[in-house]
Amino acid sequence: MKSPGEAAAIPLTGSAQNGTFCPQSRRRYVLIAAILASALGFIDGSVLAIAMPALRVDLGASLAQAQWISNAYALTLSALILAGGAAGDRFGLRRAFVTGIALFVAASLACALAPNPTVLIAFRAIQGIGAAIMVPGSLAIIAKSYPKKERGRAIGIWAAASALTTALGPVLGGFVLSAFGNGIWRAIFAINLPLGLVSIYLLLAKVPADQPTEKRSLDLGGAGLATLAFGALAYGLTAMNAEGGGLIPVPAIVAGAVLLVVFVLYERWQREPMIDLSLFGIKAFAGANLATFFLYFALSANLFYLPMLLIAGWGLSSAEAGFIFLPLSVLIALLSGPVGQWSDRIGPRLPIAGGSLVVAIGFGGLALLTYAGIHNFWTGIFPLMGLMGLGMALVVSPLSTAVMTSVEDKDTGAASGINNAVSRVGGLIAVAAMGSLAAIVYARMTGGASGIPGFGEPPASGLAANVDAARIAASDWAFAVVAAVTALLCLLSSVIAWFTASGQASPWPQQAAD
C-alpha cells in the first residue's frame, strides 16, 4: 500500500518542516482523513459479505451476479492499484487522494440507488477505480506528511484505527441488517457519503497541497491489459457453474491466458512498466508473492462464502454471522507488533510457514465440521475462525518483511505495491473459481430438483421440510469442498515459504558448539 514516492515536496510557505509538506498543526487532519478514507474500503468489503444474502433476496441476484458484485470491484482495484499509486507521485498525493475518495463516494451513492444487479455491478467496477487511487494514497500521504521520527507513531495510530474499523464494521453491520431487514443493505454504500465528504473537506480545507515528486508514467496500457486479462479469466471461472450448465467456458479462459501473456510481454517492453518483472527473478520475492496468492485466495474464498452458508444455509442472523470477522481483525491488531519483532530476530521463514499451516488447519476444520453437518457456530465455527485469525496474525507482518527484504532498498515501494496487487488478484480469482465449484457440488447434491434455491440463496418461506433438509445438506457439502481446497492451498503456501523465505528453522537461539 505504500507508495514509493516519499521524497520531500517543494516547500510551501510556512509548511516545510523536517522535510514534510504539512505543518505540524495540520498533520492531525491528514491522519483523520486517511483513517476515514481507509474505513470506506474496510467497511465496504467486509460488511458486503454479510449483506450478500439480503442483497440477493432484495435484488433477485443469482450466484453468478453475486460473484460479480464482489469481483467487479476487485478486478478494477487489483488491475489499477499500481497505476493509482503512481498517480500520487505524478499529480501530487493530496490531489490524487481527494480524486480517489470523490470517485469512490460517487460510485458508492450510485450503488446504494442501484435498481438491479447489472447496474450495481457496473458501479462497483467504478468504485474499484476510485479505490485503486485511494488505497495507496492513504498510507503514502501519512508518510509524506510526517517526519521520519514521527512517522512510525502516526502509521501505528492509522493501523490501530483501521483494525478497529475492520473488527467492528461487520458486527455493527450484521446487527443493522438483522434489525431493519433486507433493504437496509443499501445503507452499507450510503454510509460512505458522509465519511468521504468529511475526508475531502479536511484534505482541501485544512491540508496544504503537496507538489508532485516525479513525472512517472501511469502505464495505462499495462493497466488496461491487466484488466482485460483478469476480467476474462474471472468471467470464464464464474461462468463455469451449475447455473450456466456446468460447462467449461474455454474461449474466455483461453482469452484470459493469452491476454496475460501479452501483458507480460508488454511490461517487458515498457520503459517505465507498471510491474518490474525482473523482481520475480529473485527467489525470495517470487516465493513470497506465490505464498501470498495462495493464502489470500484461501482467505477471500472463505470470508465470502462462509457468511452465505451461515445466513442462507443455516438460517443464522446477520448479527451473529458478523462475528466471524472479529477474531481475524483483533488477533492481527494485537499480535502483529510482537510477531514482527520475532520475525526480525529469526527471519520470516518460520512465522510465515507456521502461520500458513495454522490457517490450513483452521480451514481444514471448517471442511470437516460442515462435511459432518455439525451446525454449531459459537462452539464450532467461531473457534476455528479464531485459529485462522491466529495463523494470519503470524503471517501478515513477516510476509511484508519477506517481500521488502528480498529486494534492494530502491525497489521496496515497487515490491510492496506488487505484493498488494497479488493479494487482491488472489481474492478476485478465488471468488470466481470457488463460487463455481460450490455451485457445481450443490447442484449435483440436490440433483437439480425444482423448487430448491441456489447455493447461498435464502429459501422462500413454506419450503417443505424434506426439501429444506436436502438444501442444507447440499450447502454443507458445497462449502466443505471449498474449505478443503483452500486448506490445501494454505498448506502449499506453507511449503513454499519454508523453501524460499530467509530465516532460521527454529525459534530458539542457536547454541554455539563447545
Protein backbone atom coordinates (compact mmCIF):
# COMPACT_ATOMS: atom_id res chain seq x y z
CA MET A 1 0.00 0.00 0.00
CA LYS A 2 2.96 2.31 0.49
CA SER A 3 3.80 4.50 -2.45
CA PRO A 4 7.47 4.69 -3.44
CA GLY A 5 7.27 8.44 -3.81
CA GLU A 6 8.01 9.75 -0.32
CA ALA A 7 10.55 12.41 -1.20
CA ALA A 8 10.03 15.87 0.20
CA ALA A 9 7.84 18.18 -1.84
CA ILE A 10 8.78 21.66 -2.96
CA PRO A 11 8.47 23.78 0.19
CA LEU A 12 5.27 25.74 0.69
CA THR A 13 5.17 28.93 2.72
CA GLY A 14 5.42 28.01 6.38
CA SER A 15 4.84 24.32 5.73
CA ALA A 16 8.19 22.72 5.04
CA GLN A 17 9.10 21.29 8.41
CA ASN A 18 11.56 18.41 8.85
CA GLY A 19 11.28 17.55 5.14
CA THR A 20 7.48 17.33 5.01
CA PHE A 21 4.95 19.42 3.12
CA CYS A 22 2.49 19.70 6.00
CA PRO A 23 2.83 21.96 9.07
CA GLN A 24 2.78 20.21 12.43
CA SER A 25 -0.51 21.85 13.45
CA ARG A 26 -2.29 20.35 10.42
CA ARG A 27 -0.89 16.83 10.39
CA ARG A 28 -3.70 15.52 12.56
CA TYR A 29 -6.16 16.41 9.80
CA VAL A 30 -4.18 14.27 7.35
CA LEU A 31 -4.29 11.37 9.81
CA ILE A 32 -8.04 11.72 10.43
CA ALA A 33 -8.76 11.93 6.69
CA ALA A 34 -6.60 8.87 5.99
CA ILE A 35 -8.34 6.87 8.73
CA LEU A 36 -11.81 7.82 7.44
CA ALA A 37 -10.85 7.01 3.84
CA SER A 38 -9.44 3.63 4.88
CA ALA A 39 -12.67 2.93 6.75
CA LEU A 40 -14.55 3.31 3.45
CA GLY A 41 -12.78 0.33 1.92
CA PHE A 42 -12.72 -1.83 5.05
CA ILE A 43 -16.42 -1.36 5.85
CA ASP A 44 -17.43 -1.80 2.22
CA GLY A 45 -15.54 -5.08 1.78
CA SER A 46 -16.29 -6.97 4.97
CA VAL A 47 -19.88 -5.85 5.59
CA LEU A 48 -20.88 -6.57 1.99
CA ALA A 49 -20.10 -10.27 2.53
CA ILE A 50 -22.52 -10.31 5.48
CA ALA A 51 -25.14 -8.40 3.49
CA MET A 52 -24.90 -10.53 0.34
CA PRO A 53 -27.77 -12.94 1.18
CA ALA A 54 -30.08 -9.98 1.94
CA LEU A 55 -28.92 -8.18 -1.20
CA ARG A 56 -29.63 -11.26 -3.33
CA VAL A 57 -33.18 -11.50 -1.98
CA ASP A 58 -33.86 -7.79 -2.42
CA LEU A 59 -32.48 -7.54 -5.98
CA GLY A 60 -33.17 -11.10 -7.09
CA ALA A 61 -29.47 -11.66 -7.85
CA SER A 62 -28.15 -15.06 -8.94
CA LEU A 63 -24.95 -16.59 -7.54
CA ALA A 64 -23.02 -15.51 -10.65
CA GLN A 65 -24.27 -11.94 -10.20
CA ALA A 66 -23.33 -12.05 -6.51
CA GLN A 67 -19.83 -13.11 -7.53
CA TRP A 68 -19.56 -10.19 -9.93
CA ILE A 69 -20.88 -7.71 -7.37
CA SER A 70 -17.72 -8.59 -5.46
CA ASN A 71 -15.41 -9.18 -8.42
CA ALA A 72 -16.22 -6.07 -10.47
CA TYR A 73 -14.73 -4.05 -7.60
CA ALA A 74 -11.83 -6.45 -7.04
CA LEU A 75 -10.99 -6.52 -10.76
CA THR A 76 -10.53 -2.80 -11.29
CA LEU A 77 -8.86 -2.36 -7.89
CA SER A 78 -6.28 -5.11 -8.41
CA ALA A 79 -5.54 -4.19 -12.03
CA LEU A 80 -5.21 -0.43 -11.44
CA ILE A 81 -3.75 -0.16 -7.93
CA LEU A 82 -0.15 0.18 -9.14
CA ALA A 83 -1.13 2.90 -11.60
CA GLY A 84 -3.12 4.53 -8.78
CA GLY A 85 -0.02 4.65 -6.62
CA ALA A 86 1.98 6.23 -9.44
CA ALA A 87 -0.74 8.89 -9.85
CA GLY A 88 0.09 10.25 -6.40
CA ASP A 89 3.71 10.76 -7.39
CA ARG A 90 2.83 12.34 -10.73
CA PHE A 91 -0.01 14.68 -9.73
CA GLY A 92 0.58 15.19 -6.01
CA LEU A 93 -0.68 12.96 -3.20
CA ARG A 94 -3.39 15.29 -1.91
CA ARG A 95 -4.88 15.83 -5.36
CA ALA A 96 -4.83 12.11 -6.25
CA PHE A 97 -6.14 11.07 -2.82
CA VAL A 98 -9.07 13.51 -3.00
CA THR A 99 -9.87 12.36 -6.55
CA GLY A 100 -9.89 8.71 -5.47
CA ILE A 101 -12.13 9.40 -2.48
CA ALA A 102 -14.55 11.50 -4.57
CA LEU A 103 -14.85 8.82 -7.25
CA PHE A 104 -15.30 6.10 -4.63
CA VAL A 105 -18.02 8.06 -2.83
CA ALA A 106 -19.89 8.98 -6.03
CA ALA A 107 -19.88 5.35 -7.14
CA SER A 108 -20.97 4.25 -3.65
CA LEU A 109 -24.01 6.52 -3.82
CA ALA A 110 -24.88 5.08 -7.22
CA CYS A 111 -24.51 1.55 -5.76
CA ALA A 112 -26.91 2.47 -2.94
CA LEU A 113 -29.51 3.50 -5.53
CA ALA A 114 -28.96 0.59 -7.94
CA PRO A 115 -32.30 -0.82 -9.15
CA ASN A 116 -30.91 -4.19 -10.29
CA PRO A 117 -27.76 -6.37 -10.11
CA THR A 118 -26.43 -5.25 -13.51
CA VAL A 119 -26.34 -1.58 -12.54
CA LEU A 120 -24.82 -2.45 -9.17
CA ILE A 121 -22.05 -4.46 -10.86
CA ALA A 122 -21.24 -1.57 -13.21
CA PHE A 123 -20.90 0.96 -10.40
CA ARG A 124 -18.92 -1.49 -8.28
CA ALA A 125 -16.35 -1.50 -11.08
CA ILE A 126 -16.20 2.31 -10.96
CA GLN A 127 -15.94 2.14 -7.19
CA GLY A 128 -12.88 -0.11 -7.63
CA ILE A 129 -11.22 2.51 -9.84
CA GLY A 130 -11.66 5.08 -7.07
CA ALA A 131 -10.27 2.61 -4.52
CA ALA A 132 -7.22 1.95 -6.74
CA ILE A 133 -6.29 5.63 -6.35
CA MET A 134 -7.48 5.98 -2.74
CA VAL A 135 -5.95 2.87 -1.14
CA PRO A 136 -2.24 3.53 -1.91
CA GLY A 137 -2.75 7.24 -1.22
CA SER A 138 -3.96 6.65 2.34
CA LEU A 139 -0.67 5.42 3.75
CA ALA A 140 1.51 7.41 1.35
CA ILE A 141 0.08 10.79 2.38
CA ILE A 142 0.69 9.98 6.05
CA ALA A 143 4.29 9.06 5.28
CA LYS A 144 4.78 12.28 3.30
CA SER A 145 3.11 14.50 5.94
CA TYR A 146 5.06 13.31 8.99
CA PRO A 147 8.82 13.49 9.51
CA LYS A 148 10.60 10.14 9.87
CA LYS A 149 10.89 10.35 13.67
CA GLU A 150 7.09 10.74 14.00
CA ARG A 151 6.03 8.56 11.08
CA GLY A 152 6.01 5.26 12.95
CA ARG A 153 3.63 6.54 15.62
CA ALA A 154 1.27 8.07 13.03
CA ILE A 155 1.17 4.87 10.98
CA GLY A 156 0.60 2.90 14.19
CA ILE A 157 -2.45 5.05 15.02
CA TRP A 158 -3.73 4.61 11.45
CA ALA A 159 -3.23 0.83 11.61
CA ALA A 160 -4.94 0.54 15.01
CA ALA A 161 -7.93 2.59 13.83
CA SER A 162 -8.13 0.51 10.65
CA ALA A 163 -8.08 -2.71 12.68
CA LEU A 164 -10.85 -1.38 14.94
CA THR A 165 -12.95 -0.45 11.88
CA THR A 166 -12.39 -3.88 10.33
CA ALA A 167 -13.34 -5.61 13.57
CA LEU A 168 -16.46 -3.62 14.42
CA GLY A 169 -17.79 -2.95 10.89
CA PRO A 170 -19.21 -6.44 10.19
CA VAL A 171 -20.55 -6.79 13.74
CA LEU A 172 -22.42 -3.48 13.63
CA GLY A 173 -23.48 -4.09 10.04
CA GLY A 174 -24.85 -7.50 10.99
CA PHE A 175 -26.93 -6.02 13.79
CA VAL A 176 -28.31 -3.33 11.46
CA LEU A 177 -29.23 -5.92 8.82
CA SER A 178 -30.95 -8.08 11.42
CA ALA A 179 -32.86 -5.14 12.88
CA PHE A 180 -34.04 -3.41 9.68
CA GLY A 181 -34.46 -6.17 7.10
CA ASN A 182 -33.09 -6.94 3.64
CA GLY A 183 -33.48 -3.47 2.10
CA ILE A 184 -31.05 -1.88 4.56
CA TRP A 185 -28.08 -3.28 2.59
CA ARG A 186 -28.17 0.00 0.65
CA ALA A 187 -27.02 1.82 3.80
CA ILE A 188 -23.69 -0.03 3.54
CA PHE A 189 -22.91 2.04 0.47
CA ALA A 190 -24.72 5.20 1.58
CA ILE A 191 -22.61 5.47 4.78
CA ASN A 192 -19.61 6.15 2.52
CA LEU A 193 -21.07 9.55 1.58
CA PRO A 194 -20.66 11.35 4.96
CA LEU A 195 -17.33 9.61 5.70
CA GLY A 196 -15.96 10.56 2.29
CA LEU A 197 -17.21 14.13 2.39
CA VAL A 198 -15.58 14.73 5.79
CA SER A 199 -12.29 13.32 4.45
CA ILE A 200 -12.41 15.54 1.36
CA TYR A 201 -13.25 18.63 3.45
CA LEU A 202 -10.32 18.04 5.81
CA LEU A 203 -7.90 17.49 2.94
CA LEU A 204 -8.98 20.54 0.92
CA ALA A 205 -9.67 22.98 3.77
CA LYS A 206 -7.06 22.00 6.36
CA VAL A 207 -4.14 20.44 4.49
CA PRO A 208 -1.84 22.31 2.08
CA ALA A 209 -1.27 20.90 -1.39
CA ASP A 210 1.94 18.93 -1.93
CA GLN A 211 3.98 19.12 -5.11
CA PRO A 212 4.45 16.12 -7.43
CA THR A 213 7.69 14.30 -6.68
CA GLU A 214 8.37 12.87 -10.13
CA LYS A 215 6.81 12.65 -13.59
CA ARG A 216 6.17 8.91 -13.51
CA SER A 217 4.37 7.10 -16.30
CA LEU A 218 0.98 5.69 -15.27
CA ASP A 219 1.31 2.78 -17.74
CA LEU A 220 -2.38 2.88 -18.63
CA GLY A 221 -1.75 0.40 -21.43
CA GLY A 222 -0.48 -2.17 -18.94
CA ALA A 223 -3.37 -1.43 -16.60
CA GLY A 224 -5.85 -1.93 -19.45
CA LEU A 225 -4.29 -5.24 -20.47
CA ALA A 226 -4.30 -6.45 -16.87
CA THR A 227 -7.97 -5.54 -16.52
CA LEU A 228 -8.88 -7.42 -19.71
CA ALA A 229 -6.77 -10.46 -18.80
CA PHE A 230 -8.02 -10.89 -15.25
CA GLY A 231 -11.54 -9.93 -16.31
CA ALA A 232 -11.63 -12.67 -18.96
CA LEU A 233 -10.26 -15.24 -16.50
CA ALA A 234 -12.76 -14.22 -13.82
CA TYR A 235 -15.61 -14.31 -16.35
CA GLY A 236 -14.65 -17.78 -17.50
CA LEU A 237 -14.29 -19.15 -13.98
CA THR A 238 -17.56 -17.54 -12.84
CA ALA A 239 -19.48 -18.90 -15.84
CA MET A 240 -18.24 -22.41 -15.04
CA ASN A 241 -21.04 -23.07 -12.55
CA ALA A 242 -24.22 -25.05 -12.43
CA GLU A 243 -26.34 -22.05 -13.40
CA GLY A 244 -24.52 -21.99 -16.73
CA GLY A 245 -24.96 -25.71 -17.25
CA GLY A 246 -21.66 -26.70 -15.63
CA LEU A 247 -19.77 -26.28 -18.93
CA ILE A 248 -16.21 -25.04 -19.02
CA PRO A 249 -16.15 -21.70 -20.92
CA VAL A 250 -12.90 -22.49 -22.73
CA PRO A 251 -12.83 -19.41 -25.02
CA ALA A 252 -12.97 -16.94 -22.11
CA ILE A 253 -10.31 -18.76 -20.10
CA VAL A 254 -8.03 -19.14 -23.13
CA ALA A 255 -8.52 -15.45 -23.99
CA GLY A 256 -7.61 -14.50 -20.42
CA ALA A 257 -4.47 -16.65 -20.51
CA VAL A 258 -3.40 -15.18 -23.88
CA LEU A 259 -4.02 -11.62 -22.67
CA LEU A 260 -1.97 -12.37 -19.56
CA VAL A 261 0.96 -13.43 -21.76
CA VAL A 262 0.50 -10.27 -23.85
CA PHE A 263 0.51 -8.21 -20.63
CA VAL A 264 3.81 -9.78 -19.54
CA LEU A 265 5.41 -9.12 -22.94
CA TYR A 266 4.08 -5.54 -22.93
CA GLU A 267 5.53 -4.89 -19.46
CA ARG A 268 8.93 -6.24 -20.56
CA TRP A 269 8.86 -3.82 -23.50
CA GLN A 270 7.84 -0.74 -21.48
CA ARG A 271 10.48 1.76 -20.39
CA GLU A 272 8.53 2.53 -17.18
CA PRO A 273 6.44 -0.60 -16.59
CA MET A 274 3.66 -0.89 -14.05
CA ILE A 275 5.33 -4.07 -12.76
CA ASP A 276 9.09 -4.58 -12.73
CA LEU A 277 9.13 -8.23 -13.83
CA SER A 278 12.83 -8.58 -13.10
CA LEU A 279 11.99 -8.66 -9.39
CA PHE A 280 10.40 -12.08 -9.90
CA GLY A 281 13.86 -13.39 -10.77
CA ILE A 282 14.64 -13.08 -7.04
CA LYS A 283 13.76 -16.42 -5.42
CA ALA A 284 12.64 -14.97 -2.08
CA PHE A 285 10.47 -12.30 -3.75
CA ALA A 286 8.83 -14.74 -6.15
CA GLY A 287 8.22 -17.23 -3.32
CA ALA A 288 6.71 -14.61 -1.02
CA ASN A 289 4.30 -13.47 -3.73
CA LEU A 290 3.30 -17.03 -4.65
CA ALA A 291 2.64 -17.76 -0.97
CA THR A 292 0.64 -14.50 -0.79
CA PHE A 293 -1.50 -15.51 -3.77
CA PHE A 294 -2.44 -18.92 -2.34
CA LEU A 295 -3.01 -17.60 1.18
CA TYR A 296 -5.23 -14.67 0.17
CA PHE A 297 -7.04 -16.85 -2.36
CA ALA A 298 -7.98 -19.13 0.53
CA LEU A 299 -8.86 -16.29 2.91
CA SER A 300 -11.04 -14.44 0.38
CA ALA A 301 -12.95 -17.58 -0.65
CA ASN A 302 -13.83 -18.49 2.93
CA LEU A 303 -14.72 -14.97 4.06
CA PHE A 304 -17.01 -14.51 1.03
CA TYR A 305 -18.82 -17.87 1.02
CA LEU A 306 -18.94 -18.71 4.75
CA PRO A 307 -21.47 -15.92 5.52
CA MET A 308 -23.65 -17.28 2.69
CA LEU A 309 -23.60 -20.72 4.30
CA LEU A 310 -24.34 -19.41 7.78
CA ILE A 311 -27.12 -16.99 6.84
CA ALA A 312 -28.76 -18.59 3.80
CA GLY A 313 -27.89 -22.21 4.61
CA TRP A 314 -28.10 -22.50 8.39
CA GLY A 315 -30.52 -19.63 8.97
CA LEU A 316 -28.27 -17.67 11.33
CA SER A 317 -28.99 -13.97 11.75
CA SER A 318 -26.75 -11.41 10.07
CA ALA A 319 -25.88 -10.11 13.55
CA GLU A 320 -24.48 -13.48 14.60
CA ALA A 321 -22.66 -14.14 11.32
CA GLY A 322 -20.98 -10.73 11.57
CA PHE A 323 -18.79 -12.04 14.37
CA ILE A 324 -16.80 -14.33 12.05
CA PHE A 325 -14.54 -11.39 11.06
CA LEU A 326 -13.82 -10.43 14.66
CA PRO A 327 -11.03 -12.94 15.55
CA LEU A 328 -9.09 -12.10 12.38
CA SER A 329 -9.11 -8.35 12.99
CA VAL A 330 -8.48 -8.49 16.74
CA LEU A 331 -5.64 -11.03 16.61
CA ILE A 332 -3.86 -9.23 13.78
CA ALA A 333 -4.15 -5.95 15.71
CA LEU A 334 -2.84 -7.49 18.95
CA LEU A 335 -0.11 -9.77 17.61
CA SER A 336 1.32 -8.06 14.52
CA GLY A 337 3.76 -5.97 16.59
CA PRO A 338 5.21 -8.82 18.68
CA VAL A 339 5.25 -11.19 15.70
CA GLY A 340 7.03 -8.55 13.62
CA GLN A 341 9.74 -8.26 16.28
CA TRP A 342 10.04 -12.06 16.42
CA SER A 343 10.35 -12.16 12.63
CA ASP A 344 13.08 -9.51 12.73
CA ARG A 345 15.03 -11.73 15.15
CA ILE A 346 14.74 -15.13 13.43
CA GLY A 347 13.71 -14.21 9.90
CA PRO A 348 10.32 -14.56 8.22
CA ARG A 349 10.54 -18.24 7.21
CA LEU A 350 9.19 -19.89 10.34
CA PRO A 351 6.40 -17.37 11.10
CA ILE A 352 5.07 -17.50 7.51
CA ALA A 353 5.34 -21.27 7.16
CA GLY A 354 3.96 -21.91 10.66
CA GLY A 355 1.18 -19.33 10.33
CA SER A 356 0.10 -20.69 6.94
CA LEU A 357 -0.03 -24.17 8.46
CA VAL A 358 -2.24 -22.91 11.29
CA VAL A 359 -4.57 -21.29 8.75
CA ALA A 360 -4.65 -24.58 6.82
CA ILE A 361 -5.69 -26.41 10.00
CA GLY A 362 -8.42 -23.84 10.62
CA PHE A 363 -9.86 -24.19 7.12
CA GLY A 364 -9.48 -27.97 7.28
CA GLY A 365 -11.52 -27.88 10.49
CA LEU A 366 -14.23 -25.88 8.71
CA ALA A 367 -14.30 -28.52 5.96
CA LEU A 368 -14.68 -31.39 8.45
CA LEU A 369 -17.29 -29.55 10.52
CA THR A 370 -19.51 -28.71 7.56
CA TYR A 371 -18.99 -32.11 5.91
CA ALA A 372 -20.26 -33.72 9.13
CA GLY A 373 -23.27 -31.38 9.16
CA ILE A 374 -22.43 -30.01 12.62
CA HIS A 375 -24.20 -26.65 12.86
CA ASN A 376 -22.54 -25.18 15.94
CA PHE A 377 -21.50 -21.57 15.44
CA TRP A 378 -20.08 -20.50 18.83
CA THR A 379 -18.50 -23.87 19.70
CA GLY A 380 -17.53 -24.86 16.15
CA ILE A 381 -17.21 -22.15 13.51
CA PHE A 382 -16.13 -19.29 15.78
CA PRO A 383 -13.19 -21.13 17.45
CA LEU A 384 -11.96 -22.28 14.04
CA MET A 385 -12.12 -18.70 12.78
CA GLY A 386 -10.09 -17.77 15.85
CA LEU A 387 -7.49 -20.38 14.85
CA MET A 388 -7.44 -18.93 11.34
CA GLY A 389 -7.03 -15.44 12.79
CA LEU A 390 -4.07 -16.61 14.87
CA GLY A 391 -2.43 -18.06 11.77
CA MET A 392 -2.96 -14.88 9.76
CA ALA A 393 -1.57 -12.80 12.65
CA LEU A 394 1.59 -14.93 12.43
CA VAL A 395 1.82 -14.36 8.66
CA VAL A 396 0.86 -10.75 7.88
CA SER A 397 3.82 -8.83 9.29
CA PRO A 398 6.56 -11.40 8.39
CA LEU A 399 5.18 -11.68 4.86
CA SER A 400 5.63 -7.93 4.40
CA THR A 401 9.13 -8.29 5.82
CA ALA A 402 9.94 -11.12 3.41
CA VAL A 403 8.80 -9.05 0.43
CA MET A 404 10.61 -5.86 1.48
CA THR A 405 13.90 -7.51 2.49
CA SER A 406 14.12 -9.63 -0.66
CA VAL A 407 14.81 -6.59 -2.88
CA GLU A 408 17.15 -3.61 -2.91
CA ASP A 409 16.11 -0.52 -0.91
CA LYS A 410 15.32 1.40 -4.10
CA ASP A 411 12.74 -1.24 -5.08
CA THR A 412 10.85 -1.56 -1.77
CA GLY A 413 7.99 0.68 -2.88
CA ALA A 414 7.50 -1.28 -6.11
CA ALA A 415 7.79 -4.58 -4.24
CA SER A 416 5.15 -3.55 -1.71
CA GLY A 417 2.77 -2.43 -4.48
CA ILE A 418 3.20 -5.68 -6.42
CA ASN A 419 2.53 -7.76 -3.30
CA ASN A 420 -0.59 -5.72 -2.56
CA ALA A 421 -1.84 -6.32 -6.12
CA VAL A 422 -1.05 -10.05 -5.94
CA SER A 423 -3.13 -10.46 -2.78
CA ARG A 424 -6.10 -8.75 -4.44
CA VAL A 425 -5.79 -10.79 -7.64
CA GLY A 426 -5.82 -13.89 -5.43
CA GLY A 427 -9.12 -12.75 -3.94
CA LEU A 428 -10.56 -11.98 -7.37
CA ILE A 429 -9.79 -15.45 -8.77
CA ALA A 430 -10.92 -17.13 -5.55
CA VAL A 431 -14.42 -15.65 -5.55
CA ALA A 432 -14.83 -16.59 -9.24
CA ALA A 433 -13.43 -20.14 -9.10
CA MET A 434 -14.67 -21.27 -5.69
CA GLY A 435 -18.19 -19.96 -6.30
CA SER A 436 -18.43 -22.07 -9.43
CA LEU A 437 -17.03 -25.08 -7.58
CA ALA A 438 -19.58 -24.64 -4.79
CA ALA A 439 -22.43 -24.24 -7.29
CA ILE A 440 -21.45 -27.42 -9.18
CA VAL A 441 -21.21 -29.50 -5.99
CA TYR A 442 -24.50 -28.04 -4.71
CA ALA A 443 -26.32 -28.84 -7.97
CA ARG A 444 -25.07 -32.42 -8.01
CA MET A 445 -26.05 -32.95 -4.38
CA THR A 446 -29.58 -31.64 -4.96
CA GLY A 447 -29.94 -33.41 -8.29
CA GLY A 448 -31.15 -30.21 -9.89
CA ALA A 449 -34.54 -30.64 -8.23
CA SER A 450 -37.04 -27.86 -8.87
CA GLY A 451 -38.07 -25.62 -6.01
CA ILE A 452 -34.66 -25.64 -4.33
CA PRO A 453 -32.95 -22.23 -4.19
CA GLY A 454 -29.39 -21.87 -5.48
CA PHE A 455 -26.30 -22.06 -3.29
CA GLY A 456 -26.15 -19.14 -0.87
CA GLU A 457 -29.69 -18.05 -1.71
CA PRO A 458 -32.07 -17.76 1.29
CA PRO A 459 -35.06 -20.13 0.95
CA ALA A 460 -38.60 -18.91 0.46
CA SER A 461 -41.00 -19.38 3.33
CA GLY A 462 -43.08 -22.55 3.30
CA LEU A 463 -40.36 -24.80 1.86
CA ALA A 464 -41.14 -28.45 2.58
CA ALA A 465 -39.14 -29.97 5.45
CA ASN A 466 -37.51 -32.71 3.31
CA VAL A 467 -36.59 -30.23 0.58
CA ASP A 468 -35.12 -27.84 3.13
CA ALA A 469 -33.08 -30.65 4.69
CA ALA A 470 -31.69 -31.55 1.25
CA ARG A 471 -30.86 -27.89 0.62
CA ILE A 472 -28.97 -27.55 3.91
CA ALA A 473 -27.04 -30.80 3.39
CA ALA A 474 -26.06 -29.73 -0.14
CA SER A 475 -24.95 -26.31 1.17
CA ASP A 476 -22.76 -28.01 3.79
CA TRP A 477 -21.16 -30.24 1.17
CA ALA A 478 -20.56 -27.37 -1.23
CA PHE A 479 -18.81 -25.23 1.37
CA ALA A 480 -16.88 -28.24 2.75
CA VAL A 481 -15.31 -28.74 -0.69
CA VAL A 482 -14.37 -25.05 -0.89
CA ALA A 483 -12.85 -25.13 2.62
CA ALA A 484 -10.92 -28.34 1.83
CA VAL A 485 -9.42 -26.90 -1.36
CA THR A 486 -8.40 -23.69 0.41
CA ALA A 487 -6.85 -25.68 3.28
CA LEU A 488 -4.64 -27.48 0.74
CA LEU A 489 -3.64 -24.14 -0.81
CA CYS A 490 -2.64 -22.80 2.60
CA LEU A 491 -0.57 -25.93 3.14
CA LEU A 492 1.09 -25.26 -0.22
CA SER A 493 1.75 -21.67 0.88
CA SER A 494 3.46 -23.02 4.00
CA VAL A 495 5.73 -25.29 1.94
CA ILE A 496 6.63 -22.51 -0.49
CA ALA A 497 7.53 -20.16 2.38
CA TRP A 498 9.68 -22.81 4.03
CA PHE A 499 11.78 -23.32 0.91
CA THR A 500 12.02 -19.73 -0.32
CA ALA A 501 11.95 -17.34 2.67
CA SER A 502 15.06 -16.49 4.65
CA GLY A 503 15.44 -17.24 8.35
CA GLN A 504 16.13 -19.87 10.95
CA ALA A 505 14.39 -23.25 11.03
CA SER A 506 13.94 -22.99 14.80
CA PRO A 507 12.56 -20.21 17.01
CA TRP A 508 15.21 -20.89 19.63
CA PRO A 509 18.64 -19.17 19.63
CA GLN A 510 21.38 -21.32 18.11
CA GLN A 511 23.81 -22.62 20.74
CA ALA A 512 27.47 -22.38 19.93
CA ALA A 513 29.32 -25.72 19.96
CA ASP A 514 31.63 -26.33 22.90
